[in-house]
Amino acid sequence: MAYPFPSEEWLVALMDVLNSDPRYAEVAKNWEGDMIVVIEPNPKEKDPRLPITLYLDLWHGQCRKVRVIDPAHEEMPDAAFVLRSSIKDIMRIFQGDLDPMQAMLTRRLQVKGNLGYMLRNVPTVLDFVRCCREVEIAEEGES
């Protein structure tokens, strides 16, 4: 099934993939850190869905919680990582056209948090992205 992206539906589907994937459970068994992902509109483009803020609580190979955060009406959690990128670059990562580590190093994917921890856990980062790629994204207008 395809889900609109970015959306709460897509995020819940990702949580289901993460929690049912034995490979992710094994690779991420030592990961400790929740994250906020801020997806912004492409430069010079307007998108009524964006920006959107997604929250994922990742802990020892499981996703304990996901939600869309409305920063205008609620306080941001104190997450271990905050990732920020344009919708274009996030989609390029999910389509396999942009390596997530290259995106971080070139600041197409900006990371706040312990970058050393993330770099020591590259297999976990890459497997997380693999799981993201497994959640089919609906074309605009499709649901």
C-alpha atoms as a PDB file:
ATOM      1  CA  MET A   1       0.000   0.000   0.000  1.00  0.00           C
ATOM      2  CA  ALA A   2       1.220   3.493  -0.825  1.00  0.00           C
ATOM      3  CA  TYR A   3       1.070   6.345   1.679  1.00  0.00           C
ATOM      4  CA  PRO A   4       1.195  10.105   1.156  1.00  0.00           C
ATOM      5  CA  PHE A   5       4.564  11.540   2.106  1.00  0.00           C
ATOM      6  CA  PRO A   6       5.183  13.225   4.388  1.00  0.00           C
ATOM      7  CA  SER A   7       2.249  12.229   6.582  1.00  0.00           C
ATOM      8  CA  GLU A   8       1.303  10.517   9.835  1.00  0.00           C
ATOM      9  CA  GLU A   9       0.097   7.525   7.784  1.00  0.00           C
ATOM     10  CA  TRP A  10       3.512   7.111   6.168  1.00  0.00           C
ATOM     11  CA  LEU A  11       5.200   7.473   9.549  1.00  0.00           C
ATOM     12  CA  VAL A  12       3.016   4.757  11.145  1.00  0.00           C
ATOM     13  CA  ALA A  13       3.714   2.458   8.185  1.00  0.00           C
ATOM     14  CA  LEU A  14       7.444   3.057   8.704  1.00  0.00           C
ATOM     15  CA  MET A  15       7.094   2.149  12.378  1.00  0.00           C
ATOM     16  CA  ASP A  16       5.418  -1.112  11.337  1.00  0.00           C
ATOM     17  CA  VAL A  17       8.269  -1.896   8.924  1.00  0.00           C
ATOM     18  CA  LEU A  18      10.944  -1.108  11.512  1.00  0.00           C
ATOM     19  CA  ASN A  19       9.261  -3.242  14.176  1.00  0.00           C
ATOM     20  CA  SER A  20       8.705  -6.239  11.916  1.00  0.00           C
ATOM     21  CA  ASP A  21      12.094  -6.277  10.168  1.00  0.00           C
ATOM     22  CA  PRO A  22      14.481  -8.808  11.765  1.00  0.00           C
ATOM     23  CA  ARG A  23      17.487  -7.401   9.907  1.00  0.00           C
ATOM     24  CA  TYR A  24      16.843  -3.895  11.277  1.00  0.00           C
ATOM     25  CA  ALA A  25      16.309  -5.339  14.781  1.00  0.00           C
ATOM     26  CA  GLU A  26      19.717  -7.016  14.623  1.00  0.00           C
ATOM     27  CA  VAL A  27      21.650  -4.161  13.012  1.00  0.00           C
ATOM     28  CA  ALA A  28      20.133  -1.517  15.311  1.00  0.00           C
ATOM     29  CA  LYS A  29      20.204  -3.581  18.516  1.00  0.00           C
ATOM     30  CA  ASN A  30      22.619  -1.123  20.177  1.00  0.00           C
ATOM     31  CA  TRP A  31      21.084   2.104  18.822  1.00  0.00           C
ATOM     32  CA  GLU A  32      19.865   4.513  21.488  1.00  0.00           C
ATOM     33  CA  GLY A  33      18.441   7.760  20.245  1.00  0.00           C
ATOM     34  CA  ASP A  34      15.227   9.380  19.201  1.00  0.00           C
ATOM     35  CA  MET A  35      15.086  11.802  16.315  1.00  0.00           C
ATOM     36  CA  ILE A  36      13.170  14.693  14.901  1.00  0.00           C
ATOM     37  CA  VAL A  37      13.060  15.024  11.122  1.00  0.00           C
ATOM     38  CA  VAL A  38      12.108  18.425   9.741  1.00  0.00           C
ATOM     39  CA  ILE A  39      11.129  18.290   6.080  1.00  0.00           C
ATOM     40  CA  GLU A  40      11.131  21.670   4.415  1.00  0.00           C
ATOM     41  CA  PRO A  41       9.793  22.818   1.060  1.00  0.00           C
ATOM     42  CA  ASN A  42      12.161  22.990  -1.863  1.00  0.00           C
ATOM     43  CA  PRO A  43      13.771  26.409  -2.233  1.00  0.00           C
ATOM     44  CA  LYS A  44      11.540  28.893  -4.063  1.00  0.00           C
ATOM     45  CA  GLU A  45       8.568  26.498  -3.971  1.00  0.00           C
ATOM     46  CA  LYS A  46       5.443  26.620  -1.869  1.00  0.00           C
ATOM     47  CA  ASP A  47       3.994  23.419  -0.504  1.00  0.00           C
ATOM     48  CA  PRO A  48       1.060  23.671   1.918  1.00  0.00           C
ATOM     49  CA  ARG A  49       2.152  20.421   3.631  1.00  0.00           C
ATOM     50  CA  LEU A  50       5.565  21.794   4.525  1.00  0.00           C
ATOM     51  CA  PRO A  51       7.427  22.259   6.685  1.00  0.00           C
ATOM     52  CA  ILE A  52       6.457  19.163   8.643  1.00  0.00           C
ATOM     53  CA  THR A  53       8.135  17.802  11.748  1.00  0.00           C
ATOM     54  CA  LEU A  54       8.276  14.042  12.321  1.00  0.00           C
ATOM     55  CA  TYR A  55       9.299  12.352  15.562  1.00  0.00           C
ATOM     56  CA  LEU A  56      10.667   8.802  15.875  1.00  0.00           C
ATOM     57  CA  ASP A  57      11.655   7.131  19.135  1.00  0.00           C
ATOM     58  CA  LEU A  58      14.238   4.498  18.139  1.00  0.00           C
ATOM     59  CA  TRP A  59      15.635   2.223  20.829  1.00  0.00           C
ATOM     60  CA  HIS A  60      17.580  -1.035  20.529  1.00  0.00           C
ATOM     61  CA  GLY A  61      16.212  -2.095  17.138  1.00  0.00           C
ATOM     62  CA  GLN A  62      12.628  -1.050  17.798  1.00  0.00           C
ATOM     63  CA  CYS A  63      10.586   2.029  17.037  1.00  0.00           C
ATOM     64  CA  ARG A  64       8.722   2.769  20.250  1.00  0.00           C
ATOM     65  CA  LYS A  65       6.735   5.781  19.064  1.00  0.00           C
ATOM     66  CA  VAL A  66       6.141   8.017  16.063  1.00  0.00           C
ATOM     67  CA  ARG A  67       4.141  11.192  15.608  1.00  0.00           C
ATOM     68  CA  VAL A  68       3.859  14.400  13.663  1.00  0.00           C
ATOM     69  CA  ILE A  69       4.738  17.388  15.822  1.00  0.00           C
ATOM     70  CA  ASP A  70       3.121  20.788  15.425  1.00  0.00           C
ATOM     71  CA  PRO A  71       5.836  23.173  16.689  1.00  0.00           C
ATOM     72  CA  ALA A  72       3.364  26.074  16.663  1.00  0.00           C
ATOM     73  CA  HIS A  73       1.212  24.361  19.286  1.00  0.00           C
ATOM     74  CA  GLU A  74       3.500  22.070  21.248  1.00  0.00           C
ATOM     75  CA  GLU A  75       6.985  21.971  22.657  1.00  0.00           C
ATOM     76  CA  MET A  76       9.593  20.078  20.691  1.00  0.00           C
ATOM     77  CA  PRO A  77      10.922  16.960  22.428  1.00  0.00           C
ATOM     78  CA  ASP A  78      14.568  17.051  23.434  1.00  0.00           C
ATOM     79  CA  ALA A  79      15.587  14.430  20.856  1.00  0.00           C
ATOM     80  CA  ALA A  80      19.094  13.023  20.509  1.00  0.00           C
ATOM     81  CA  PHE A  81      19.114  13.994  16.812  1.00  0.00           C
ATOM     82  CA  VAL A  82      17.454  16.629  14.696  1.00  0.00           C
ATOM     83  CA  LEU A  83      17.641  16.066  10.947  1.00  0.00           C
ATOM     84  CA  ARG A  84      16.601  18.765   8.501  1.00  0.00           C
ATOM     85  CA  SER A  85      16.312  18.586   4.730  1.00  0.00           C
ATOM     86  CA  SER A  86      14.267  19.678   1.756  1.00  0.00           C
ATOM     87  CA  ILE A  87      11.552  17.378   0.449  1.00  0.00           C
ATOM     88  CA  LYS A  88      13.558  17.028  -2.773  1.00  0.00           C
ATOM     89  CA  ASP A  89      16.650  15.703  -1.019  1.00  0.00           C
ATOM     90  CA  ILE A  90      14.673  13.426   1.323  1.00  0.00           C
ATOM     91  CA  MET A  91      12.910  11.940  -1.703  1.00  0.00           C
ATOM     92  CA  ARG A  92      16.257  11.478  -3.482  1.00  0.00           C
ATOM     93  CA  ILE A  93      17.524   9.560  -0.436  1.00  0.00           C
ATOM     94  CA  PHE A  94      14.390   7.381  -0.324  1.00  0.00           C
ATOM     95  CA  GLN A  95      14.589   6.715  -4.073  1.00  0.00           C
ATOM     96  CA  GLY A  96      18.231   5.670  -3.838  1.00  0.00           C
ATOM     97  CA  ASP A  97      19.498   8.641  -5.878  1.00  0.00           C
ATOM     98  CA  LEU A  98      21.344  10.224  -2.938  1.00  0.00           C
ATOM     99  CA  ASP A  99      23.433   8.292  -0.434  1.00  0.00           C
ATOM    100  CA  PRO A 100      22.344   9.262   3.103  1.00  0.00           C
ATOM    101  CA  MET A 101      25.915   9.535   4.390  1.00  0.00           C
ATOM    102  CA  GLN A 102      26.897  11.709   1.431  1.00  0.00           C
ATOM    103  CA  ALA A 103      23.793  13.827   2.091  1.00  0.00           C
ATOM    104  CA  MET A 104      24.947  14.356   5.686  1.00  0.00           C
ATOM    105  CA  LEU A 105      28.512  15.190   4.732  1.00  0.00           C
ATOM    106  CA  THR A 106      27.389  17.679   2.040  1.00  0.00           C
ATOM    107  CA  ARG A 107      24.769  19.189   4.397  1.00  0.00           C
ATOM    108  CA  ARG A 108      21.856  18.314   2.115  1.00  0.00           C
ATOM    109  CA  LEU A 109      20.743  16.481   5.238  1.00  0.00           C
ATOM    110  CA  GLN A 110      21.663  18.631   8.206  1.00  0.00           C
ATOM    111  CA  VAL A 111      22.220  16.788  11.468  1.00  0.00           C
ATOM    112  CA  LYS A 112      22.223  18.201  14.983  1.00  0.00           C
ATOM    113  CA  GLY A 113      23.319  15.783  17.638  1.00  0.00           C
ATOM    114  CA  ASN A 114      26.258  13.503  18.175  1.00  0.00           C
ATOM    115  CA  LEU A 115      27.544  13.087  14.619  1.00  0.00           C
ATOM    116  CA  GLY A 116      30.359  10.882  15.912  1.00  0.00           C
ATOM    117  CA  TYR A 117      27.777   8.459  17.334  1.00  0.00           C
ATOM    118  CA  MET A 118      25.948   8.434  14.021  1.00  0.00           C
ATOM    119  CA  LEU A 119      29.179   7.836  12.085  1.00  0.00           C
ATOM    120  CA  ARG A 120      30.110   4.979  14.450  1.00  0.00           C
ATOM    121  CA  ASN A 121      26.715   3.461  13.657  1.00  0.00           C
ATOM    122  CA  VAL A 122      26.668   3.798   9.863  1.00  0.00           C
ATOM    123  CA  PRO A 123      25.192   0.291   9.358  1.00  0.00           C
ATOM    124  CA  THR A 124      22.239   1.256  11.567  1.00  0.00           C
ATOM    125  CA  VAL A 125      21.734   4.532   9.687  1.00  0.00           C
ATOM    126  CA  LEU A 126      21.854   2.771   6.323  1.00  0.00           C
ATOM    127  CA  ASP A 127      19.471   0.029   7.425  1.00  0.00           C
ATOM    128  CA  PHE A 128      17.053   2.627   8.782  1.00  0.00           C
ATOM    129  CA  VAL A 129      17.065   4.267   5.334  1.00  0.00           C
ATOM    130  CA  ARG A 130      16.541   0.844   3.728  1.00  0.00           C
ATOM    131  CA  CYS A 131      13.420   0.428   5.848  1.00  0.00           C
ATOM    132  CA  CYS A 132      12.237   3.929   4.866  1.00  0.00           C
ATOM    133  CA  ARG A 133      12.580   2.900   1.223  1.00  0.00           C
ATOM    134  CA  GLU A 134      10.293  -0.077   1.851  1.00  0.00           C
ATOM    135  CA  VAL A 135       7.333   2.167   2.678  1.00  0.00           C
ATOM    136  CA  GLU A 136       5.753   2.938  -0.667  1.00  0.00           C
ATOM    137  CA  ILE A 137       5.079   6.616  -1.279  1.00  0.00           C
ATOM    138  CA  ALA A 138       1.854   7.526  -3.046  1.00  0.00           C
ATOM    139  CA  GLU A 139       2.031   9.814  -6.033  1.00  0.00           C
ATOM    140  CA  GLU A 140       0.479  13.229  -5.378  1.00  0.00           C
ATOM    141  CA  GLY A 141      -3.284  12.944  -5.578  1.00  0.00           C
ATOM    142  CA  GLU A 142      -3.133   9.177  -4.928  1.00  0.00           C
ATOM    143  CA  SER A 143      -3.912   7.685  -1.517  1.00  0.00           C
END
